[in-house]
Amino acid sequence: MKHLYFIRHGLSEMNLQGLFSGQVESPLSKEGREQAKLAGEQAGELHIDHIISSPLSRAYDTAKIIAEVIGYPVKDIELNSLLLERAFGSAEGQPWSPDFDMDGVADAETLDSLQNRVTLFWKYVQTLPAENILVSSHGSTGRMLRNVTNPDIPFHGTALSHHLPNAEIIQLV
């Protein structure tokens, strides 16, 4: 049986500043690198045989750190643009708020678009011969992937029920 694990990237510089980053590059902070290292230690027991990452550096650097810790060849990390964070449009770089309505931002990626993109990714994952797959990506993308793989868990919800903390590995399937 295939197992799918997800990790939201380690704490980024824009996370530290309390800003929406979306598809803007924001490097991992020192703490984010440490978080990724700890996640790698936890991943050692998962027998990861394939790693797929968003091409944005904060997710890819998280994946590389984990790969190094578990002895997975960094050169074999697959980059997949379907895993990019949701495009936040004019909200990118603006102060983050838990009550902010991203769906009200006219130039932000729609939820339907994000869902379609993540559903395509999930269909792709199911074709892979790997049994233990780790996905390194972003908060909105991860929440949508969680919803696509388990429709009983909504994309939106209370802060505790839907939030994906930085650098915490969760099993989706």
C-alpha atoms as a PDB file:
ATOM      1  CA  MET A   1       0.000   0.000   0.000  1.00  0.00           C
ATOM      2  CA  LYS A   2       1.273   3.433  -0.974  1.00  0.00           C
ATOM      3  CA  HIS A   3       1.965   5.941   1.805  1.00  0.00           C
ATOM      4  CA  LEU A   4       1.923   9.667   1.130  1.00  0.00           C
ATOM      5  CA  TYR A   5       3.571  12.002   3.614  1.00  0.00           C
ATOM      6  CA  PHE A   6       3.420  15.780   3.490  1.00  0.00           C
ATOM      7  CA  ILE A   7       5.611  18.454   5.014  1.00  0.00           C
ATOM      8  CA  ARG A   8       5.076  22.174   4.853  1.00  0.00           C
ATOM      9  CA  HIS A   9       8.447  23.881   4.424  1.00  0.00           C
ATOM     10  CA  GLY A  10      10.422  25.065   7.414  1.00  0.00           C
ATOM     11  CA  LEU A  11       9.889  28.572   8.771  1.00  0.00           C
ATOM     12  CA  SER A  12      10.772  31.097   6.076  1.00  0.00           C
ATOM     13  CA  GLU A  13      11.964  34.674   6.392  1.00  0.00           C
ATOM     14  CA  MET A  14       8.546  35.984   5.293  1.00  0.00           C
ATOM     15  CA  ASN A  15       6.859  33.692   7.856  1.00  0.00           C
ATOM     16  CA  LEU A  16       9.044  35.357  10.503  1.00  0.00           C
ATOM     17  CA  GLN A  17       7.989  38.777   9.248  1.00  0.00           C
ATOM     18  CA  GLY A  18       4.305  37.796   9.314  1.00  0.00           C
ATOM     19  CA  LEU A  19       3.821  38.286   5.575  1.00  0.00           C
ATOM     20  CA  PHE A  20       1.926  36.355   2.906  1.00  0.00           C
ATOM     21  CA  SER A  21       4.515  34.887   0.548  1.00  0.00           C
ATOM     22  CA  GLY A  22       2.470  32.891  -1.962  1.00  0.00           C
ATOM     23  CA  GLN A  23       4.649  32.309  -5.014  1.00  0.00           C
ATOM     24  CA  VAL A  24       7.257  34.905  -4.010  1.00  0.00           C
ATOM     25  CA  GLU A  25      10.646  33.428  -3.093  1.00  0.00           C
ATOM     26  CA  SER A  26      11.366  33.558   0.628  1.00  0.00           C
ATOM     27  CA  PRO A  27      14.393  31.644   1.928  1.00  0.00           C
ATOM     28  CA  LEU A  28      14.311  29.425   4.979  1.00  0.00           C
ATOM     29  CA  SER A  29      15.245  31.140   8.210  1.00  0.00           C
ATOM     30  CA  LYS A  30      17.895  29.668  10.505  1.00  0.00           C
ATOM     31  CA  GLU A  31      15.063  28.194  12.596  1.00  0.00           C
ATOM     32  CA  GLY A  32      13.460  26.787   9.429  1.00  0.00           C
ATOM     33  CA  ARG A  33      16.677  24.944   8.564  1.00  0.00           C
ATOM     34  CA  GLU A  34      16.799  23.483  12.086  1.00  0.00           C
ATOM     35  CA  GLN A  35      13.149  22.453  11.790  1.00  0.00           C
ATOM     36  CA  ALA A  36      13.891  20.665   8.507  1.00  0.00           C
ATOM     37  CA  LYS A  37      16.816  18.842  10.114  1.00  0.00           C
ATOM     38  CA  LEU A  38      14.576  17.612  12.957  1.00  0.00           C
ATOM     39  CA  ALA A  39      11.937  16.552  10.437  1.00  0.00           C
ATOM     40  CA  GLY A  40      14.629  14.597   8.605  1.00  0.00           C
ATOM     41  CA  GLU A  41      15.439  12.738  11.802  1.00  0.00           C
ATOM     42  CA  GLN A  42      11.752  11.842  12.171  1.00  0.00           C
ATOM     43  CA  ALA A  43      11.527  10.844   8.497  1.00  0.00           C
ATOM     44  CA  GLY A  44      14.283   8.302   8.967  1.00  0.00           C
ATOM     45  CA  GLU A  45      11.714   5.769  10.171  1.00  0.00           C
ATOM     46  CA  LEU A  46       9.361   6.268   7.216  1.00  0.00           C
ATOM     47  CA  HIS A  47      11.427   4.415   4.576  1.00  0.00           C
ATOM     48  CA  ILE A  48      10.987   7.269   2.066  1.00  0.00           C
ATOM     49  CA  ASP A  49      11.705   6.036  -1.455  1.00  0.00           C
ATOM     50  CA  HIS A  50      10.672   9.151  -3.394  1.00  0.00           C
ATOM     51  CA  ILE A  51      10.695  12.869  -2.579  1.00  0.00           C
ATOM     52  CA  ILE A  52       8.750  15.447  -4.573  1.00  0.00           C
ATOM     53  CA  SER A  53       9.043  19.167  -3.908  1.00  0.00           C
ATOM     54  CA  SER A  54       7.648  22.485  -4.978  1.00  0.00           C
ATOM     55  CA  PRO A  55      10.307  24.358  -6.949  1.00  0.00           C
ATOM     56  CA  LEU A  56      10.128  27.340  -4.568  1.00  0.00           C
ATOM     57  CA  SER A  57      13.357  27.433  -2.562  1.00  0.00           C
ATOM     58  CA  ARG A  58      11.797  27.224   0.904  1.00  0.00           C
ATOM     59  CA  ALA A  59      10.150  23.883   0.049  1.00  0.00           C
ATOM     60  CA  TYR A  60      13.056  22.573  -2.031  1.00  0.00           C
ATOM     61  CA  ASP A  61      15.629  23.477   0.644  1.00  0.00           C
ATOM     62  CA  THR A  62      13.461  21.706   3.226  1.00  0.00           C
ATOM     63  CA  ALA A  63      13.373  18.624   0.987  1.00  0.00           C
ATOM     64  CA  LYS A  64      17.148  18.758   0.443  1.00  0.00           C
ATOM     65  CA  ILE A  65      17.871  18.953   4.171  1.00  0.00           C
ATOM     66  CA  ILE A  66      15.569  16.006   4.868  1.00  0.00           C
ATOM     67  CA  ALA A  67      17.117  14.030   2.006  1.00  0.00           C
ATOM     68  CA  GLU A  68      20.611  14.596   3.375  1.00  0.00           C
ATOM     69  CA  VAL A  69      19.564  13.457   6.863  1.00  0.00           C
ATOM     70  CA  ILE A  70      17.887  10.251   5.632  1.00  0.00           C
ATOM     71  CA  GLY A  71      20.518   9.434   3.010  1.00  0.00           C
ATOM     72  CA  TYR A  72      18.236  10.022   0.017  1.00  0.00           C
ATOM     73  CA  PRO A  73      20.136  11.306  -3.056  1.00  0.00           C
ATOM     74  CA  VAL A  74      19.461  15.055  -3.310  1.00  0.00           C
ATOM     75  CA  LYS A  75      19.825  14.814  -7.099  1.00  0.00           C
ATOM     76  CA  ASP A  76      16.800  12.464  -7.151  1.00  0.00           C
ATOM     77  CA  ILE A  77      14.402  14.965  -5.577  1.00  0.00           C
ATOM     78  CA  GLU A  78      11.669  15.583  -8.130  1.00  0.00           C
ATOM     79  CA  LEU A  79      10.542  19.181  -8.605  1.00  0.00           C
ATOM     80  CA  ASN A  80       6.912  19.577  -9.590  1.00  0.00           C
ATOM     81  CA  SER A  81       5.312  22.951 -10.333  1.00  0.00           C
ATOM     82  CA  LEU A  82       1.870  21.568  -9.448  1.00  0.00           C
ATOM     83  CA  LEU A  83       3.079  21.902  -5.840  1.00  0.00           C
ATOM     84  CA  LEU A  84       3.654  25.673  -5.985  1.00  0.00           C
ATOM     85  CA  GLU A  85       1.935  27.630  -3.243  1.00  0.00           C
ATOM     86  CA  ARG A  86      -1.374  29.214  -4.128  1.00  0.00           C
ATOM     87  CA  ALA A  87      -0.789  32.490  -5.962  1.00  0.00           C
ATOM     88  CA  PHE A  88      -1.948  35.210  -3.571  1.00  0.00           C
ATOM     89  CA  GLY A  89      -1.855  37.999  -6.154  1.00  0.00           C
ATOM     90  CA  SER A  90      -1.754  41.477  -4.654  1.00  0.00           C
ATOM     91  CA  ALA A  91      -1.808  39.961  -1.137  1.00  0.00           C
ATOM     92  CA  GLU A  92       1.734  38.618  -1.597  1.00  0.00           C
ATOM     93  CA  GLY A  93       4.064  40.550   0.675  1.00  0.00           C
ATOM     94  CA  GLN A  94       1.166  41.915   2.735  1.00  0.00           C
ATOM     95  CA  PRO A  95       0.725  41.267   6.484  1.00  0.00           C
ATOM     96  CA  TRP A  96      -0.660  37.835   7.330  1.00  0.00           C
ATOM     97  CA  SER A  97      -3.855  37.516   9.355  1.00  0.00           C
ATOM     98  CA  PRO A  98      -5.728  34.320  10.252  1.00  0.00           C
ATOM     99  CA  ASP A  99      -9.005  36.033   9.356  1.00  0.00           C
ATOM    100  CA  PHE A 100      -7.861  37.288   5.955  1.00  0.00           C
ATOM    101  CA  ASP A 101     -10.204  36.231   3.124  1.00  0.00           C
ATOM    102  CA  MET A 102      -7.885  35.217   0.294  1.00  0.00           C
ATOM    103  CA  ASP A 103     -10.942  34.376  -1.815  1.00  0.00           C
ATOM    104  CA  GLY A 104     -11.745  38.106  -1.765  1.00  0.00           C
ATOM    105  CA  VAL A 105      -8.471  39.021  -3.518  1.00  0.00           C
ATOM    106  CA  ALA A 106      -9.410  39.538  -7.161  1.00  0.00           C
ATOM    107  CA  ASP A 107      -6.048  38.521  -8.631  1.00  0.00           C
ATOM    108  CA  ALA A 108      -5.404  35.554  -6.302  1.00  0.00           C
ATOM    109  CA  GLU A 109      -5.546  31.996  -7.633  1.00  0.00           C
ATOM    110  CA  THR A 110      -9.075  30.684  -7.183  1.00  0.00           C
ATOM    111  CA  LEU A 111      -9.782  27.721  -4.960  1.00  0.00           C
ATOM    112  CA  ASP A 112     -11.125  25.847  -7.994  1.00  0.00           C
ATOM    113  CA  SER A 113      -7.831  26.387  -9.803  1.00  0.00           C
ATOM    114  CA  LEU A 114      -5.828  25.264  -6.765  1.00  0.00           C
ATOM    115  CA  GLN A 115      -8.035  22.206  -6.355  1.00  0.00           C
ATOM    116  CA  ASN A 116      -7.678  21.278 -10.037  1.00  0.00           C
ATOM    117  CA  ARG A 117      -3.901  21.645  -9.858  1.00  0.00           C
ATOM    118  CA  VAL A 118      -3.600  19.572  -6.686  1.00  0.00           C
ATOM    119  CA  THR A 119      -5.990  16.922  -8.028  1.00  0.00           C
ATOM    120  CA  LEU A 120      -3.744  16.560 -11.097  1.00  0.00           C
ATOM    121  CA  PHE A 121      -0.798  16.104  -8.755  1.00  0.00           C
ATOM    122  CA  TRP A 122      -2.635  13.449  -6.717  1.00  0.00           C
ATOM    123  CA  LYS A 123      -3.502  11.528  -9.889  1.00  0.00           C
ATOM    124  CA  TYR A 124       0.154  11.688 -10.903  1.00  0.00           C
ATOM    125  CA  VAL A 125       1.336  10.414  -7.498  1.00  0.00           C
ATOM    126  CA  GLN A 126      -0.897   7.379  -7.862  1.00  0.00           C
ATOM    127  CA  THR A 127       1.012   6.369 -11.023  1.00  0.00           C
ATOM    128  CA  LEU A 128       4.404   6.338  -9.296  1.00  0.00           C
ATOM    129  CA  PRO A 129       6.003   2.992  -8.451  1.00  0.00           C
ATOM    130  CA  ALA A 130       7.258   4.349  -5.090  1.00  0.00           C
ATOM    131  CA  GLU A 131       5.586   3.165  -1.896  1.00  0.00           C
ATOM    132  CA  ASN A 132       6.641   5.857   0.613  1.00  0.00           C
ATOM    133  CA  ILE A 133       6.478   9.318  -0.902  1.00  0.00           C
ATOM    134  CA  LEU A 134       7.341  12.570   0.865  1.00  0.00           C
ATOM    135  CA  VAL A 135       5.930  15.803  -0.551  1.00  0.00           C
ATOM    136  CA  SER A 136       7.545  19.101   0.467  1.00  0.00           C
ATOM    137  CA  SER A 137       5.331  22.053  -0.314  1.00  0.00           C
ATOM    138  CA  HIS A 138       3.313  24.893   1.216  1.00  0.00           C
ATOM    139  CA  GLY A 139       0.391  25.589   3.533  1.00  0.00           C
ATOM    140  CA  SER A 140      -2.464  26.162   1.092  1.00  0.00           C
ATOM    141  CA  THR A 141      -1.231  23.478  -1.269  1.00  0.00           C
ATOM    142  CA  GLY A 142      -0.881  21.027   1.605  1.00  0.00           C
ATOM    143  CA  ARG A 143      -4.349  21.768   2.976  1.00  0.00           C
ATOM    144  CA  MET A 144      -5.781  21.224  -0.489  1.00  0.00           C
ATOM    145  CA  LEU A 145      -3.821  17.982  -0.949  1.00  0.00           C
ATOM    146  CA  ARG A 146      -5.129  16.816   2.425  1.00  0.00           C
ATOM    147  CA  ASN A 147      -8.671  17.640   1.275  1.00  0.00           C
ATOM    148  CA  VAL A 148      -8.227  15.931  -2.110  1.00  0.00           C
ATOM    149  CA  THR A 149      -6.883  12.746  -0.490  1.00  0.00           C
ATOM    150  CA  ASN A 150      -9.452  12.877   2.320  1.00  0.00           C
ATOM    151  CA  PRO A 151     -12.591  14.893   1.419  1.00  0.00           C
ATOM    152  CA  ASP A 152     -13.839  14.596   5.012  1.00  0.00           C
ATOM    153  CA  ILE A 153     -11.167  17.136   6.018  1.00  0.00           C
ATOM    154  CA  PRO A 154     -12.212  20.533   4.655  1.00  0.00           C
ATOM    155  CA  PHE A 155      -9.777  22.984   3.101  1.00  0.00           C
ATOM    156  CA  HIS A 156     -11.143  25.720   5.394  1.00  0.00           C
ATOM    157  CA  GLY A 157     -11.837  25.227   9.051  1.00  0.00           C
ATOM    158  CA  THR A 158     -10.958  26.382  12.513  1.00  0.00           C
ATOM    159  CA  ALA A 159      -7.336  27.354  13.017  1.00  0.00           C
ATOM    160  CA  LEU A 160      -6.462  24.114  14.816  1.00  0.00           C
ATOM    161  CA  SER A 161      -8.318  21.799  12.449  1.00  0.00           C
ATOM    162  CA  HIS A 162      -6.884  23.078   9.190  1.00  0.00           C
ATOM    163  CA  HIS A 163      -3.521  24.712   9.904  1.00  0.00           C
ATOM    164  CA  LEU A 164      -0.358  22.916   8.790  1.00  0.00           C
ATOM    165  CA  PRO A 165       2.579  23.884  11.000  1.00  0.00           C
ATOM    166  CA  ASN A 166       6.001  24.474   9.489  1.00  0.00           C
ATOM    167  CA  ALA A 167       8.184  21.369   9.094  1.00  0.00           C
ATOM    168  CA  GLU A 168       5.775  18.857  10.600  1.00  0.00           C
ATOM    169  CA  ILE A 169       5.425  15.612   8.651  1.00  0.00           C
ATOM    170  CA  ILE A 170       1.869  14.330   8.390  1.00  0.00           C
ATOM    171  CA  GLN A 171       0.659  11.157   6.761  1.00  0.00           C
ATOM    172  CA  LEU A 172      -2.068  11.785   4.180  1.00  0.00           C
ATOM    173  CA  VAL A 173      -2.479   8.244   2.867  1.00  0.00           C
END
